């Protein structure tokens, strides 16, 4: 079913991007300047982006796995 697979891919991408943005927003509350020499540098922003992608990816993976396994619960009975 290519239509279902395509819809799932689009949904996954939307959830993934939303989780990365959410992680980026949450990281702005964290004071990285206490740990970095130059907190306003490009390298510091890249580090923040990488951390946001890692956290956002894991959050999206968890949410999508949860939704998938919750949809399989109908087969229990």
N, C-alpha and C. Protein backbone atom coordinates (compact mmCIF):
# COMPACT_ATOMS: atom_id res chain seq x y z
N UNK A 1 0.82 -1.18 0.00
CA UNK A 1 0.00 0.00 0.00
C UNK A 1 0.87 1.26 0.00
N UNK A 2 1.23 1.77 -1.16
CA UNK A 2 2.10 2.94 -1.23
C UNK A 2 1.48 4.20 -0.63
N UNK A 3 0.16 4.34 -0.71
CA UNK A 3 -0.48 5.54 -0.18
C UNK A 3 -0.34 5.57 1.34
N UNK A 4 -0.57 4.43 1.97
CA UNK A 4 -0.44 4.37 3.42
C UNK A 4 1.01 4.60 3.84
N UNK A 5 1.96 4.04 3.13
CA UNK A 5 3.37 4.22 3.45
C UNK A 5 3.78 5.67 3.26
N UNK A 6 3.31 6.30 2.20
CA UNK A 6 3.62 7.70 1.97
C UNK A 6 3.04 8.59 3.06
N UNK A 7 1.81 8.30 3.46
CA UNK A 7 1.18 9.08 4.53
C UNK A 7 1.92 8.89 5.85
N UNK A 8 2.36 7.67 6.10
CA UNK A 8 3.13 7.41 7.31
C UNK A 8 4.46 8.16 7.28
N UNK A 9 5.09 8.21 6.13
CA UNK A 9 6.37 8.92 6.00
C UNK A 9 6.20 10.42 6.24
N UNK A 10 5.14 10.98 5.68
CA UNK A 10 4.88 12.41 5.89
C UNK A 10 4.57 12.69 7.35
N UNK A 11 3.78 11.83 7.97
CA UNK A 11 3.46 12.01 9.39
C UNK A 11 4.72 11.91 10.23
N UNK A 12 5.59 10.95 9.92
CA UNK A 12 6.82 10.78 10.67
C UNK A 12 7.73 12.01 10.52
N UNK A 13 7.83 12.54 9.31
CA UNK A 13 8.66 13.73 9.09
C UNK A 13 8.12 14.94 9.84
N UNK A 14 6.80 15.09 9.86
CA UNK A 14 6.21 16.22 10.58
C UNK A 14 6.47 16.08 12.07
N UNK A 15 6.27 14.87 12.61
CA UNK A 15 6.53 14.65 14.03
C UNK A 15 8.00 14.86 14.34
N UNK A 16 8.88 14.38 13.46
CA UNK A 16 10.32 14.54 13.66
C UNK A 16 10.72 16.01 13.71
N UNK A 17 10.27 16.79 12.75
CA UNK A 17 10.61 18.21 12.73
C UNK A 17 10.02 18.95 13.93
N UNK A 18 8.80 18.60 14.31
CA UNK A 18 8.18 19.23 15.48
C UNK A 18 8.96 18.90 16.75
N UNK A 19 9.43 17.67 16.87
CA UNK A 19 10.20 17.29 18.07
C UNK A 19 11.57 17.97 18.09
N UNK A 20 12.19 18.13 16.94
CA UNK A 20 13.47 18.85 16.88
C UNK A 20 13.27 20.31 17.27
N UNK A 21 12.22 20.93 16.76
CA UNK A 21 11.92 22.32 17.13
C UNK A 21 11.60 22.44 18.61
N UNK A 22 10.88 21.47 19.15
CA UNK A 22 10.57 21.46 20.57
C UNK A 22 11.84 21.31 21.41
N UNK A 23 12.74 20.45 20.97
CA UNK A 23 14.01 20.27 21.69
C UNK A 23 14.86 21.54 21.60
N UNK A 24 14.87 22.19 20.44
CA UNK A 24 15.61 23.45 20.28
C UNK A 24 15.06 24.51 21.23
N UNK A 25 13.74 24.62 21.28
CA UNK A 25 13.08 25.58 22.16
C UNK A 25 13.41 25.28 23.62
N UNK A 26 13.37 24.00 24.00
CA UNK A 26 13.67 23.62 25.37
C UNK A 26 15.14 23.88 25.72
N UNK A 27 16.02 23.71 24.77
CA UNK A 27 17.45 23.95 25.02
C UNK A 27 17.76 25.44 25.21
N UNK A 28 16.90 26.31 24.72
CA UNK A 28 17.16 27.74 24.92
C UNK A 28 17.02 28.13 26.39
N UNK A 29 16.30 27.32 27.17
CA UNK A 29 16.16 27.59 28.60
C UNK A 29 17.38 27.11 29.38
N UNK A 30 18.18 26.24 28.76
CA UNK A 30 19.36 25.70 29.41
C UNK A 30 20.55 26.63 29.18
N UNK A 31 21.27 26.94 30.23
CA UNK A 31 22.41 27.88 30.13
C UNK A 31 23.66 27.15 29.66
N UNK A 32 23.84 27.14 28.35
CA UNK A 32 25.03 26.51 27.79
C UNK A 32 26.27 27.38 27.96
N UNK A 33 26.07 28.68 28.19
CA UNK A 33 27.22 29.58 28.30
C UNK A 33 28.10 29.26 29.50
N UNK A 34 27.57 28.57 30.49
CA UNK A 34 28.37 28.18 31.64
C UNK A 34 29.36 27.07 31.28
N UNK A 35 29.10 26.36 30.18
CA UNK A 35 29.95 25.25 29.78
C UNK A 35 30.82 25.54 28.56
N UNK A 36 30.55 26.64 27.88
CA UNK A 36 31.24 26.94 26.64
C UNK A 36 32.11 28.18 26.78
N UNK A 37 33.21 28.18 26.05
CA UNK A 37 34.10 29.36 26.07
C UNK A 37 33.49 30.54 25.34
N UNK A 38 32.92 30.25 24.18
CA UNK A 38 32.31 31.30 23.35
C UNK A 38 30.86 30.91 23.07
N UNK A 39 29.94 31.26 23.95
CA UNK A 39 28.55 30.78 23.79
C UNK A 39 27.80 31.36 22.58
N UNK A 40 28.26 32.45 22.03
CA UNK A 40 27.57 33.06 20.88
C UNK A 40 28.22 32.69 19.55
N UNK A 41 29.21 31.83 19.57
CA UNK A 41 29.93 31.48 18.35
C UNK A 41 29.12 30.51 17.49
N UNK A 42 29.56 30.34 16.26
CA UNK A 42 28.91 29.42 15.34
C UNK A 42 29.05 27.98 15.83
N UNK A 43 30.19 27.65 16.40
CA UNK A 43 30.39 26.29 16.91
C UNK A 43 29.43 25.98 18.06
N UNK A 44 29.17 26.96 18.91
CA UNK A 44 28.24 26.76 20.02
C UNK A 44 26.82 26.55 19.49
N UNK A 45 26.45 27.31 18.47
CA UNK A 45 25.11 27.14 17.87
C UNK A 45 24.98 25.79 17.17
N UNK A 46 26.07 25.35 16.52
CA UNK A 46 26.06 24.03 15.89
C UNK A 46 25.92 22.92 16.93
N UNK A 47 26.60 23.09 18.05
CA UNK A 47 26.47 22.12 19.13
C UNK A 47 25.04 22.07 19.65
N UNK A 48 24.43 23.24 19.81
CA UNK A 48 23.04 23.30 20.25
C UNK A 48 22.12 22.63 19.23
N UNK A 49 22.39 22.83 17.95
CA UNK A 49 21.59 22.21 16.91
C UNK A 49 21.75 20.69 16.93
N UNK A 50 22.97 20.23 17.08
CA UNK A 50 23.22 18.78 17.12
C UNK A 50 22.53 18.16 18.32
N UNK A 51 22.61 18.80 19.47
CA UNK A 51 21.94 18.29 20.67
C UNK A 51 20.43 18.27 20.46
N UNK A 52 19.89 19.32 19.83
CA UNK A 52 18.45 19.38 19.57
C UNK A 52 18.02 18.28 18.60
N UNK A 53 18.84 17.99 17.59
CA UNK A 53 18.51 16.93 16.64
C UNK A 53 18.53 15.57 17.33
N UNK A 54 19.52 15.33 18.16
CA UNK A 54 19.62 14.04 18.86
C UNK A 54 18.43 13.86 19.80
N UNK A 55 18.14 14.86 20.60
CA UNK A 55 17.02 14.76 21.54
C UNK A 55 15.69 14.68 20.77
N UNK A 56 15.53 15.52 19.76
CA UNK A 56 14.29 15.52 18.98
C UNK A 56 14.07 14.22 18.24
N UNK A 57 15.12 13.64 17.68
CA UNK A 57 15.00 12.36 16.98
C UNK A 57 14.56 11.26 17.95
N UNK A 58 15.18 11.22 19.11
CA UNK A 58 14.82 10.19 20.09
C UNK A 58 13.40 10.37 20.60
N UNK A 59 12.98 11.60 20.81
CA UNK A 59 11.61 11.87 21.23
C UNK A 59 10.63 11.45 20.14
N UNK A 60 10.91 11.80 18.88
CA UNK A 60 10.03 11.42 17.78
C UNK A 60 9.98 9.90 17.62
N UNK A 61 11.11 9.26 17.75
CA UNK A 61 11.16 7.79 17.65
C UNK A 61 10.30 7.16 18.74
N UNK A 62 10.41 7.68 19.96
CA UNK A 62 9.60 7.17 21.05
C UNK A 62 8.11 7.36 20.76
N UNK A 63 7.73 8.56 20.32
CA UNK A 63 6.32 8.84 20.07
C UNK A 63 5.76 7.98 18.94
N UNK A 64 6.53 7.81 17.87
CA UNK A 64 6.07 7.00 16.75
C UNK A 64 6.00 5.52 17.12
N UNK A 65 6.97 5.03 17.89
CA UNK A 65 6.92 3.64 18.36
C UNK A 65 5.72 3.44 19.28
N UNK A 66 5.48 4.40 20.14
CA UNK A 66 4.34 4.31 21.05
C UNK A 66 3.03 4.26 20.26
N UNK A 67 2.90 5.11 19.28
CA UNK A 67 1.69 5.12 18.46
C UNK A 67 1.54 3.81 17.69
N UNK A 68 2.64 3.29 17.19
CA UNK A 68 2.60 2.03 16.45
C UNK A 68 2.18 0.87 17.36
N UNK A 69 2.81 0.78 18.52
CA UNK A 69 2.48 -0.32 19.43
C UNK A 69 1.08 -0.16 20.01
N UNK A 70 0.64 1.07 20.21
CA UNK A 70 -0.73 1.29 20.69
C UNK A 70 -1.73 0.84 19.62
N UNK A 71 -1.40 1.03 18.36
CA UNK A 71 -2.31 0.58 17.29
C UNK A 71 -2.34 -0.94 17.19
N UNK A 72 -1.30 -1.61 17.65
CA UNK A 72 -1.28 -3.07 17.63
C UNK A 72 -2.07 -3.68 18.78
N UNK A 73 -2.47 -2.87 19.74
CA UNK A 73 -3.19 -3.37 20.91
C UNK A 73 -4.57 -3.94 20.52
N UNK A 74 -5.10 -3.52 19.38
CA UNK A 74 -6.41 -4.02 18.98
C UNK A 74 -6.37 -5.51 18.63
N UNK A 75 -5.19 -6.05 18.39
CA UNK A 75 -5.05 -7.45 18.04
C UNK A 75 -4.95 -8.36 19.26
N UNK A 76 -4.95 -7.78 20.45
CA UNK A 76 -4.82 -8.59 21.67
C UNK A 76 -6.08 -9.42 21.89
N UNK A 77 -7.24 -8.84 21.73
CA UNK A 77 -8.49 -9.55 22.02
C UNK A 77 -9.01 -10.31 20.83
